[in-house]
Amino acid sequence: MRRVEVVRTYLEMVERKEAEAGGGPEAWARVERLVECPVSFFRYLYAEVGRGYHWYDRLRWSDAEVRARLKDPAVSLHLLSVGGAPAGYFELQSHPDGSVEIAYFGLLPEFIGRGLGRHLLREATAEAWARGPSRVWLHTCTLDDRAALPNYLARGFRPFKTEVYQAELPDE
């Protein structure tokens, strides 16, 4: 194991921003809410989207913990598909303070670099605002894809807090 310093940046949007006009993958990419997501599919999305970014926490969850998360009325899971194939997802969580968090967001490796991250973030943000929150927020860190932070900033999110922590990562 190796120890690395990680910078986590929290970003928020306090006013709904209008999505920029088309020209993206909207015609061939579809986002829909997963109402009855199987535990195995949830695990697949989390593991495959997060593999390159050291997403480990939920890999240890029991099936009961995953089911409880998926049944939580404050949580929703949304799938991005391209030509019928899963391409990415986002997870929203409503909080008691009236905010909505984009708790997880990402693409499968094969779909990175096609403009889908921009499209998926527009969809995630619109779905979050549809819940009528006081603000929409998320966090990213230096372990995430290097395009993540610029994408969030370009869509209208603004940093409101940073923190530095140490992470133990497997040797490569």
N, C-alpha and C. Protein backbone atom coordinates (compact mmCIF):
# COMPACT_ATOMS: atom_id res chain seq x y z
N MET A 1 0.85 -1.18 0.00
CA MET A 1 0.00 0.00 0.00
C MET A 1 0.89 1.24 0.00
N ARG A 2 0.40 2.25 -0.65
CA ARG A 2 1.12 3.52 -0.65
C ARG A 2 0.18 4.61 -0.14
N ARG A 3 0.75 5.56 0.54
CA ARG A 3 -0.01 6.66 1.12
C ARG A 3 0.10 7.87 0.20
N VAL A 4 -1.06 8.49 -0.12
CA VAL A 4 -1.06 9.67 -0.99
C VAL A 4 -1.90 10.76 -0.36
N GLU A 5 -1.53 11.98 -0.66
CA GLU A 5 -2.32 13.12 -0.22
C GLU A 5 -3.41 13.39 -1.26
N VAL A 6 -4.63 13.58 -0.79
CA VAL A 6 -5.78 13.80 -1.67
C VAL A 6 -6.43 15.12 -1.29
N VAL A 7 -6.79 15.89 -2.30
CA VAL A 7 -7.53 17.13 -2.08
C VAL A 7 -8.97 16.89 -2.53
N ARG A 8 -9.91 17.06 -1.62
CA ARG A 8 -11.33 16.94 -1.92
C ARG A 8 -11.91 18.34 -2.03
N THR A 9 -12.63 18.59 -3.11
CA THR A 9 -13.26 19.88 -3.35
C THR A 9 -14.78 19.70 -3.37
N TYR A 10 -15.47 20.49 -2.54
CA TYR A 10 -16.92 20.50 -2.51
C TYR A 10 -17.40 21.66 -3.37
N LEU A 11 -18.38 21.39 -4.23
CA LEU A 11 -18.91 22.41 -5.14
C LEU A 11 -20.42 22.47 -5.00
N GLU A 12 -20.96 23.65 -5.26
CA GLU A 12 -22.41 23.82 -5.17
C GLU A 12 -22.92 24.70 -6.29
N MET A 13 -24.21 24.56 -6.52
CA MET A 13 -24.94 25.43 -7.43
C MET A 13 -26.14 25.91 -6.61
N VAL A 14 -26.24 27.21 -6.42
CA VAL A 14 -27.31 27.75 -5.57
C VAL A 14 -28.47 28.33 -6.38
N GLU A 15 -28.29 28.42 -7.68
CA GLU A 15 -29.36 28.85 -8.59
C GLU A 15 -29.34 27.91 -9.78
N ARG A 16 -30.51 27.54 -10.21
CA ARG A 16 -30.61 26.65 -11.37
C ARG A 16 -30.02 27.33 -12.59
N LYS A 17 -29.14 26.64 -13.28
CA LYS A 17 -28.54 27.14 -14.52
C LYS A 17 -29.23 26.44 -15.69
N GLU A 18 -29.44 27.17 -16.74
CA GLU A 18 -30.02 26.57 -17.94
C GLU A 18 -28.94 25.78 -18.67
N ALA A 19 -29.31 24.59 -19.12
CA ALA A 19 -28.36 23.77 -19.88
C ALA A 19 -28.06 24.45 -21.21
N GLU A 20 -26.81 24.36 -21.61
CA GLU A 20 -26.44 24.96 -22.88
C GLU A 20 -27.11 24.18 -24.02
N ALA A 21 -27.26 24.82 -25.15
CA ALA A 21 -27.97 24.24 -26.28
C ALA A 21 -27.28 22.99 -26.79
N GLY A 22 -28.05 22.15 -27.48
CA GLY A 22 -27.66 20.84 -28.00
C GLY A 22 -26.30 20.75 -28.66
N GLY A 23 -26.22 19.89 -29.67
CA GLY A 23 -24.97 19.66 -30.36
C GLY A 23 -24.17 18.55 -29.71
N GLY A 24 -24.67 18.01 -28.62
CA GLY A 24 -23.98 16.93 -27.93
C GLY A 24 -24.58 15.58 -28.25
N PRO A 25 -24.38 14.64 -27.37
CA PRO A 25 -24.80 13.26 -27.62
C PRO A 25 -26.28 12.98 -27.32
N GLU A 26 -27.09 14.02 -27.12
CA GLU A 26 -28.47 13.82 -26.70
C GLU A 26 -29.25 12.87 -27.61
N ALA A 27 -28.96 12.91 -28.90
CA ALA A 27 -29.72 12.09 -29.84
C ALA A 27 -29.43 10.60 -29.69
N TRP A 28 -28.27 10.24 -29.23
CA TRP A 28 -27.93 8.84 -29.16
C TRP A 28 -27.63 8.32 -27.75
N ALA A 29 -27.79 9.18 -26.77
CA ALA A 29 -27.57 8.78 -25.38
C ALA A 29 -28.87 8.99 -24.61
N ARG A 30 -29.18 8.06 -23.74
CA ARG A 30 -30.44 8.13 -22.99
C ARG A 30 -30.15 8.00 -21.50
N VAL A 31 -30.84 8.82 -20.69
CA VAL A 31 -30.72 8.73 -19.23
C VAL A 31 -32.10 8.40 -18.69
N GLU A 32 -32.15 7.40 -17.83
CA GLU A 32 -33.42 7.03 -17.21
C GLU A 32 -33.18 6.59 -15.77
N ARG A 33 -34.21 6.80 -14.95
CA ARG A 33 -34.12 6.40 -13.55
C ARG A 33 -34.27 4.89 -13.45
N LEU A 34 -33.41 4.28 -12.65
CA LEU A 34 -33.50 2.85 -12.38
C LEU A 34 -34.40 2.67 -11.16
N VAL A 35 -35.61 2.22 -11.38
CA VAL A 35 -36.58 2.09 -10.30
C VAL A 35 -36.39 0.79 -9.54
N GLU A 36 -36.14 -0.28 -10.23
CA GLU A 36 -35.93 -1.58 -9.59
C GLU A 36 -34.53 -2.09 -9.96
N CYS A 37 -33.53 -1.45 -9.45
CA CYS A 37 -32.15 -1.82 -9.79
C CYS A 37 -31.73 -3.07 -9.02
N PRO A 38 -31.32 -4.12 -9.71
CA PRO A 38 -30.81 -5.29 -9.01
C PRO A 38 -29.49 -4.96 -8.28
N VAL A 39 -29.28 -5.61 -7.17
CA VAL A 39 -28.06 -5.40 -6.39
C VAL A 39 -26.83 -5.66 -7.26
N SER A 40 -26.88 -6.72 -8.06
CA SER A 40 -25.72 -7.06 -8.89
C SER A 40 -25.40 -5.96 -9.91
N PHE A 41 -26.42 -5.32 -10.46
CA PHE A 41 -26.20 -4.24 -11.43
C PHE A 41 -25.64 -3.00 -10.74
N PHE A 42 -26.16 -2.70 -9.54
CA PHE A 42 -25.62 -1.60 -8.75
C PHE A 42 -24.13 -1.83 -8.50
N ARG A 43 -23.78 -3.06 -8.09
CA ARG A 43 -22.37 -3.38 -7.83
C ARG A 43 -21.53 -3.23 -9.09
N TYR A 44 -22.06 -3.67 -10.23
CA TYR A 44 -21.36 -3.55 -11.50
C TYR A 44 -21.06 -2.09 -11.81
N LEU A 45 -22.09 -1.25 -11.76
CA LEU A 45 -21.90 0.17 -12.07
C LEU A 45 -20.86 0.81 -11.15
N TYR A 46 -21.02 0.58 -9.85
CA TYR A 46 -20.10 1.18 -8.88
C TYR A 46 -18.67 0.70 -9.13
N ALA A 47 -18.49 -0.60 -9.30
CA ALA A 47 -17.14 -1.15 -9.46
C ALA A 47 -16.50 -0.72 -10.76
N GLU A 48 -17.24 -0.77 -11.86
CA GLU A 48 -16.65 -0.46 -13.16
C GLU A 48 -16.43 1.02 -13.37
N VAL A 49 -17.38 1.86 -12.95
CA VAL A 49 -17.18 3.31 -13.09
C VAL A 49 -16.06 3.76 -12.16
N GLY A 50 -16.01 3.22 -10.96
CA GLY A 50 -15.04 3.68 -9.97
C GLY A 50 -13.69 3.00 -9.98
N ARG A 51 -13.53 1.97 -10.79
CA ARG A 51 -12.29 1.16 -10.78
C ARG A 51 -11.02 2.01 -10.91
N GLY A 52 -10.99 2.93 -11.82
CA GLY A 52 -9.78 3.73 -12.05
C GLY A 52 -9.60 4.88 -11.07
N TYR A 53 -10.59 5.06 -10.18
CA TYR A 53 -10.57 6.23 -9.28
C TYR A 53 -10.58 5.84 -7.80
N HIS A 54 -10.32 4.57 -7.54
CA HIS A 54 -10.19 4.08 -6.17
C HIS A 54 -11.48 4.18 -5.38
N TRP A 55 -12.60 3.85 -6.01
CA TRP A 55 -13.87 3.76 -5.28
C TRP A 55 -13.90 2.37 -4.64
N TYR A 56 -13.74 2.32 -3.33
CA TYR A 56 -13.69 1.04 -2.62
C TYR A 56 -14.77 0.88 -1.56
N ASP A 57 -15.21 1.98 -0.98
CA ASP A 57 -16.09 1.92 0.19
C ASP A 57 -17.27 0.97 0.01
N ARG A 58 -17.99 1.12 -1.06
CA ARG A 58 -19.22 0.35 -1.25
C ARG A 58 -18.97 -1.08 -1.72
N LEU A 59 -17.76 -1.40 -2.11
CA LEU A 59 -17.46 -2.78 -2.50
C LEU A 59 -17.62 -3.72 -1.31
N ARG A 60 -17.48 -3.19 -0.11
CA ARG A 60 -17.61 -4.00 1.11
C ARG A 60 -19.05 -4.10 1.61
N TRP A 61 -19.96 -3.39 1.01
CA TRP A 61 -21.36 -3.41 1.46
C TRP A 61 -21.98 -4.78 1.24
N SER A 62 -22.78 -5.19 2.20
CA SER A 62 -23.54 -6.44 2.06
C SER A 62 -24.70 -6.19 1.10
N ASP A 63 -25.32 -7.27 0.64
CA ASP A 63 -26.49 -7.13 -0.22
C ASP A 63 -27.59 -6.35 0.50
N ALA A 64 -27.75 -6.60 1.79
CA ALA A 64 -28.77 -5.88 2.57
C ALA A 64 -28.49 -4.38 2.62
N GLU A 65 -27.22 -4.00 2.75
CA GLU A 65 -26.86 -2.57 2.76
C GLU A 65 -27.15 -1.92 1.40
N VAL A 66 -26.85 -2.64 0.32
CA VAL A 66 -27.12 -2.11 -1.02
C VAL A 66 -28.63 -1.96 -1.20
N ARG A 67 -29.40 -3.00 -0.85
CA ARG A 67 -30.86 -2.93 -0.99
C ARG A 67 -31.43 -1.76 -0.20
N ALA A 68 -30.94 -1.56 1.02
CA ALA A 68 -31.43 -0.45 1.86
C ALA A 68 -31.15 0.88 1.18
N ARG A 69 -29.98 1.04 0.60
CA ARG A 69 -29.64 2.28 -0.10
C ARG A 69 -30.57 2.50 -1.28
N LEU A 70 -30.80 1.45 -2.06
CA LEU A 70 -31.63 1.57 -3.25
C LEU A 70 -33.10 1.81 -2.92
N LYS A 71 -33.54 1.38 -1.75
CA LYS A 71 -34.94 1.57 -1.34
C LYS A 71 -35.15 2.89 -0.58
N ASP A 72 -34.08 3.56 -0.22
CA ASP A 72 -34.18 4.83 0.51
C ASP A 72 -34.91 5.85 -0.36
N PRO A 73 -36.04 6.41 0.11
CA PRO A 73 -36.78 7.37 -0.71
C PRO A 73 -36.01 8.66 -1.01
N ALA A 74 -34.96 8.93 -0.28
CA ALA A 74 -34.15 10.13 -0.52
C ALA A 74 -33.11 9.91 -1.61
N VAL A 75 -32.99 8.68 -2.10
CA VAL A 75 -31.94 8.30 -3.05
C VAL A 75 -32.57 7.86 -4.37
N SER A 76 -31.95 8.26 -5.47
CA SER A 76 -32.35 7.74 -6.78
C SER A 76 -31.11 7.47 -7.62
N LEU A 77 -31.21 6.44 -8.44
CA LEU A 77 -30.12 6.01 -9.31
C LEU A 77 -30.57 6.20 -10.75
N HIS A 78 -29.69 6.76 -11.60
CA HIS A 78 -30.04 7.09 -12.98
C HIS A 78 -28.96 6.54 -13.90
N LEU A 79 -29.38 5.82 -14.92
CA LEU A 79 -28.47 5.14 -15.84
C LEU A 79 -28.36 5.90 -17.15
N LEU A 80 -27.15 6.08 -17.62
CA LEU A 80 -26.88 6.58 -18.96
C LEU A 80 -26.63 5.36 -19.84
N SER A 81 -27.35 5.28 -20.95
CA SER A 81 -27.09 4.19 -21.89
C SER A 81 -26.86 4.77 -23.28
N VAL A 82 -26.04 4.07 -24.04
CA VAL A 82 -25.72 4.46 -25.41
C VAL A 82 -25.95 3.21 -26.27
N GLY A 83 -26.88 3.31 -27.18
CA GLY A 83 -27.19 2.16 -28.02
C GLY A 83 -27.63 0.95 -27.23
N GLY A 84 -28.26 1.18 -26.09
CA GLY A 84 -28.73 0.09 -25.24
C GLY A 84 -27.71 -0.43 -24.25
N ALA A 85 -26.47 0.01 -24.34
CA ALA A 85 -25.42 -0.46 -23.43
C ALA A 85 -25.25 0.53 -22.28
N PRO A 86 -25.05 0.04 -21.05
CA PRO A 86 -24.77 0.96 -19.95
C PRO A 86 -23.49 1.73 -20.23
N ALA A 87 -23.54 3.06 -20.00
CA ALA A 87 -22.38 3.91 -20.27
C ALA A 87 -21.94 4.70 -19.05
N GLY A 88 -22.81 4.83 -18.05
CA GLY A 88 -22.48 5.58 -16.84
C GLY A 88 -23.70 5.73 -15.97
N TYR A 89 -23.54 6.44 -14.87
CA TYR A 89 -24.67 6.64 -13.97
C TYR A 89 -24.42 7.81 -13.05
N PHE A 90 -25.52 8.23 -12.40
CA PHE A 90 -25.40 9.16 -11.29
C PHE A 90 -26.39 8.76 -10.22
N GLU A 91 -26.05 9.13 -9.01
CA GLU A 91 -26.90 8.86 -7.84
C GLU A 91 -27.17 10.19 -7.16
N LEU A 92 -28.44 10.45 -6.90
CA LEU A 92 -28.85 11.66 -6.19
C LEU A 92 -29.30 11.30 -4.79
N GLN A 93 -29.03 12.21 -3.85
CA GLN A 93 -29.51 12.03 -2.48
C GLN A 93 -30.04 13.35 -1.96
N SER A 94 -31.30 13.35 -1.54
CA SER A 94 -31.89 14.52 -0.90
C SER A 94 -31.48 14.51 0.57
N HIS A 95 -31.16 15.69 1.10
CA HIS A 95 -30.72 15.81 2.49
C HIS A 95 -31.74 16.61 3.30
N PRO A 96 -31.77 16.40 4.62
CA PRO A 96 -32.73 17.11 5.49
C PRO A 96 -32.62 18.63 5.43
N ASP A 97 -31.46 19.16 5.04
CA ASP A 97 -31.30 20.62 4.97
C ASP A 97 -31.92 21.22 3.70
N GLY A 98 -32.57 20.39 2.88
CA GLY A 98 -33.21 20.88 1.66
C GLY A 98 -32.32 20.84 0.44
N SER A 99 -31.10 20.37 0.58
CA SER A 99 -30.19 20.28 -0.56
C SER A 99 -30.30 18.91 -1.23
N VAL A 100 -29.82 18.84 -2.45
CA VAL A 100 -29.70 17.57 -3.17
C VAL A 100 -28.23 17.40 -3.55
N GLU A 101 -27.70 16.27 -3.21
CA GLU A 101 -26.31 15.94 -3.53
C GLU A 101 -26.25 15.01 -4.74
N ILE A 102 -25.36 15.32 -5.66
CA ILE A 102 -25.00 14.36 -6.70
C ILE A 102 -23.93 13.49 -6.04
N ALA A 103 -24.38 12.40 -5.44
CA ALA A 103 -23.53 11.60 -4.55
C ALA A 103 -22.49 10.80 -5.33
N TYR A 104 -22.88 10.25 -6.47
CA TYR A 104 -21.96 9.52 -7.33
C TYR A 104 -22.27 9.90 -8.76
N PHE A 105 -21.22 9.92 -9.58
CA PHE A 105 -21.36 10.37 -10.96
C PHE A 105 -20.17 9.83 -11.73
N GLY A 106 -20.42 9.20 -12.85
CA GLY A 106 -19.28 8.76 -13.65
C GLY A 106 -19.66 7.93 -14.85
N LEU A 107 -18.67 7.69 -15.68
CA LEU A 107 -18.81 6.95 -16.92
C LEU A 107 -17.99 5.67 -16.87
N LEU A 108 -18.44 4.66 -17.60
CA LEU A 108 -17.62 3.48 -17.81
C LEU A 108 -16.42 3.90 -18.66
N PRO A 109 -15.27 3.28 -18.48
CA PRO A 109 -14.05 3.72 -19.17
C PRO A 109 -14.19 3.83 -20.69
N GLU A 110 -14.95 2.92 -21.29
CA GLU A 110 -15.08 2.91 -22.76
C GLU A 110 -15.83 4.13 -23.30
N PHE A 111 -16.51 4.85 -22.44
CA PHE A 111 -17.34 5.97 -22.89
C PHE A 111 -16.76 7.34 -22.54
N ILE A 112 -15.58 7.35 -21.95
CA ILE A 112 -14.93 8.61 -21.61
C ILE A 112 -14.36 9.24 -22.88
N GLY A 113 -14.45 10.57 -22.97
CA GLY A 113 -13.89 11.29 -24.09
C GLY A 113 -14.85 11.51 -25.25
N ARG A 114 -16.13 11.23 -25.06
CA ARG A 114 -17.12 11.39 -26.13
C ARG A 114 -18.11 12.53 -25.87
N GLY A 115 -17.86 13.33 -24.83
CA GLY A 115 -18.80 14.40 -24.50
C GLY A 115 -19.94 13.94 -23.62
N LEU A 116 -19.90 12.69 -23.20
CA LEU A 116 -21.00 12.14 -22.39
C LEU A 116 -20.98 12.65 -20.96
N GLY A 117 -19.82 12.99 -20.43
CA GLY A 117 -19.74 13.51 -19.06
C GLY A 117 -20.48 14.84 -18.95
N ARG A 118 -20.30 15.68 -19.94
CA ARG A 118 -21.01 16.97 -19.98
C ARG A 118 -22.52 16.73 -20.04
N HIS A 119 -22.94 15.83 -20.93
CA HIS A 119 -24.36 15.51 -21.09
C HIS A 119 -24.93 14.90 -19.80
N LEU A 120 -24.22 13.96 -19.22
CA LEU A 120 -24.71 13.30 -18.00
C LEU A 120 -24.80 14.29 -16.85
N LEU A 121 -23.86 15.20 -16.73
CA LEU A 121 -23.92 16.19 -15.66
C LEU A 121 -25.09 17.15 -15.85
N ARG A 122 -25.36 17.54 -17.10
CA ARG A 122 -26.55 18.38 -17.35
C ARG A 122 -27.81 17.64 -16.90
N GLU A 123 -27.89 16.36 -17.21
CA GLU A 123 -29.06 15.55 -16.82
C GLU A 123 -29.15 15.42 -15.30
N ALA A 124 -28.02 15.17 -14.66
CA ALA A 124 -28.00 15.01 -13.20
C ALA A 124 -28.43 16.30 -12.51
N THR A 125 -27.92 17.41 -13.01
CA THR A 125 -28.25 18.71 -12.43
C THR A 125 -29.72 19.04 -12.62
N ALA A 126 -30.24 18.78 -13.81
CA ALA A 126 -31.67 19.04 -14.07
C ALA A 126 -32.55 18.18 -13.18
N GLU A 127 -32.19 16.92 -13.04
CA GLU A 127 -32.98 16.01 -12.19
C GLU A 127 -32.90 16.44 -10.72
N ALA A 128 -31.74 16.88 -10.29
CA ALA A 128 -31.59 17.36 -8.91
C ALA A 128 -32.46 18.59 -8.67
N TRP A 129 -32.42 19.55 -9.60
CA TRP A 129 -33.23 20.77 -9.45
C TRP A 129 -34.72 20.46 -9.51
N ALA A 130 -35.11 19.42 -10.22
CA ALA A 130 -36.53 19.05 -10.31
C ALA A 130 -37.09 18.66 -8.94
N ARG A 131 -36.23 18.33 -8.00
CA ARG A 131 -36.67 17.99 -6.65
C ARG A 131 -36.96 19.23 -5.80
N GLY A 132 -36.68 20.41 -6.34
CA GLY A 132 -36.96 21.66 -5.63
C GLY A 132 -36.05 21.96 -4.46
N PRO A 133 -34.76 21.71 -4.59
CA PRO A 133 -33.84 21.93 -3.47
C PRO A 133 -33.46 23.40 -3.28
N SER A 134 -32.85 23.66 -2.13
CA SER A 134 -32.28 24.97 -1.87
C SER A 134 -30.95 25.15 -2.61
N ARG A 135 -30.29 24.03 -2.88
CA ARG A 135 -29.03 24.04 -3.63
C ARG A 135 -28.72 22.62 -4.08
N VAL A 136 -27.87 22.49 -5.07
CA VAL A 136 -27.37 21.20 -5.55
C VAL A 136 -25.87 21.20 -5.33
N TRP A 137 -25.35 20.11 -4.80
CA TRP A 137 -23.92 20.07 -4.51
C TRP A 137 -23.35 18.69 -4.81
N LEU A 138 -22.03 18.66 -4.82
CA LEU A 138 -21.29 17.42 -5.05
C LEU A 138 -19.87 17.62 -4.54
N HIS A 139 -19.11 16.56 -4.58
CA HIS A 139 -17.69 16.72 -4.29
C HIS A 139 -16.88 15.86 -5.25
N THR A 140 -15.66 16.28 -5.47
CA THR A 140 -14.72 15.55 -6.30
C THR A 140 -13.37 15.59 -5.59
N CYS A 141 -12.43 14.82 -6.07
CA CYS A 141 -11.11 14.84 -5.45
C CYS A 141 -10.04 14.59 -6.49
N THR A 142 -8.82 14.71 -6.09
CA THR A 142 -7.69 14.56 -7.01
C THR A 142 -7.49 13.11 -7.46
N LEU A 143 -8.26 12.17 -6.92
CA LEU A 143 -8.22 10.79 -7.41
C LEU A 143 -9.17 10.60 -8.60
N ASP A 144 -10.11 11.53 -8.78
CA ASP A 144 -11.08 11.44 -9.87
C ASP A 144 -10.43 11.80 -11.20
N ASP A 145 -11.16 11.58 -12.27
CA ASP A 145 -10.68 11.92 -13.61
C ASP A 145 -10.30 13.39 -13.67
N ARG A 146 -9.26 13.71 -14.39
CA ARG A 146 -8.79 15.10 -14.45
C ARG A 146 -9.81 16.03 -15.11
N ALA A 147 -10.76 15.48 -15.87
CA ALA A 147 -11.80 16.30 -16.50
C ALA A 147 -12.97 16.59 -15.57
N ALA A 148 -13.03 15.93 -14.41
CA ALA A 148 -14.19 16.08 -13.52
C ALA A 148 -14.36 17.52 -13.04
N LEU A 149 -13.35 18.06 -12.40
CA LEU A 149 -13.47 19.41 -11.84
C LEU A 149 -13.76 20.45 -12.93
N PRO A 150 -13.04 20.45 -14.06
CA PRO A 150 -13.37 21.41 -15.11
C PRO A 150 -14.82 21.26 -15.62
N ASN A 151 -15.32 20.03 -15.70
CA ASN A 151 -16.70 19.81 -16.12
C ASN A 151 -17.68 20.44 -15.13
N TYR A 152 -17.45 20.23 -13.85
CA TYR A 152 -18.34 20.80 -12.83
C TYR A 152 -18.32 22.33 -12.88
N LEU A 153 -17.15 22.89 -13.02
CA LEU A 153 -17.03 24.35 -13.08
C LEU A 153 -17.71 24.91 -14.34
N ALA A 154 -17.53 24.24 -15.46
CA ALA A 154 -18.13 24.70 -16.71
C ALA A 154 -19.65 24.61 -16.69
N ARG A 155 -20.22 23.74 -15.89
CA ARG A 155 -21.68 23.60 -15.79
C ARG A 155 -22.28 24.54 -14.75
N GLY A 156 -21.44 25.35 -14.08
CA GLY A 156 -21.97 26.35 -13.15
C GLY A 156 -21.78 26.05 -11.68
N PHE A 157 -21.13 24.96 -11.33
CA PHE A 157 -20.85 24.67 -9.92
C PHE A 157 -19.69 25.54 -9.46
N ARG A 158 -19.72 25.94 -8.20
CA ARG A 158 -18.66 26.76 -7.61
C ARG A 158 -18.17 26.12 -6.32
N PRO A 159 -16.84 26.10 -6.12
CA PRO A 159 -16.29 25.52 -4.89
C PRO A 159 -16.75 26.28 -3.65
N PHE A 160 -17.02 25.53 -2.57
CA PHE A 160 -17.32 26.19 -1.30
C PHE A 160 -16.50 25.64 -0.15
N LYS A 161 -15.76 24.56 -0.38
CA LYS A 161 -14.92 24.01 0.69
C LYS A 161 -13.91 23.04 0.08
N THR A 162 -12.71 23.03 0.64
CA THR A 162 -11.72 22.01 0.27
C THR A 162 -11.17 21.41 1.54
N GLU A 163 -10.70 20.19 1.42
CA GLU A 163 -10.04 19.52 2.54
C GLU A 163 -8.97 18.61 1.99
N VAL A 164 -7.97 18.38 2.79
CA VAL A 164 -6.86 17.52 2.40
C VAL A 164 -6.84 16.35 3.37
N TYR A 165 -6.68 15.14 2.81
CA TYR A 165 -6.60 13.95 3.65
C TYR A 165 -5.61 12.96 3.04
N GLN A 166 -5.24 11.98 3.80
CA GLN A 166 -4.33 10.94 3.36
C GLN A 166 -5.15 9.70 3.01
N ALA A 167 -4.80 9.05 1.90
CA ALA A 167 -5.48 7.83 1.48
C ALA A 167 -4.45 6.73 1.29
N GLU A 168 -4.83 5.52 1.61
CA GLU A 168 -4.01 4.34 1.38
C GLU A 168 -4.48 3.70 0.08
N LEU A 169 -3.60 3.65 -0.90
CA LEU A 169 -3.94 3.07 -2.20
C LEU A 169 -3.09 1.84 -2.44
N PRO A 170 -3.66 0.87 -3.15
CA PRO A 170 -2.86 -0.32 -3.46
C PRO A 170 -1.69 0.03 -4.36
N ASP A 171 -0.59 -0.71 -4.21
CA ASP A 171 0.54 -0.52 -5.10
C ASP A 171 0.11 -0.90 -6.51
N GLU A 172 0.62 -0.17 -7.48
CA GLU A 172 0.22 -0.43 -8.87
C GLU A 172 1.03 -1.55 -9.46
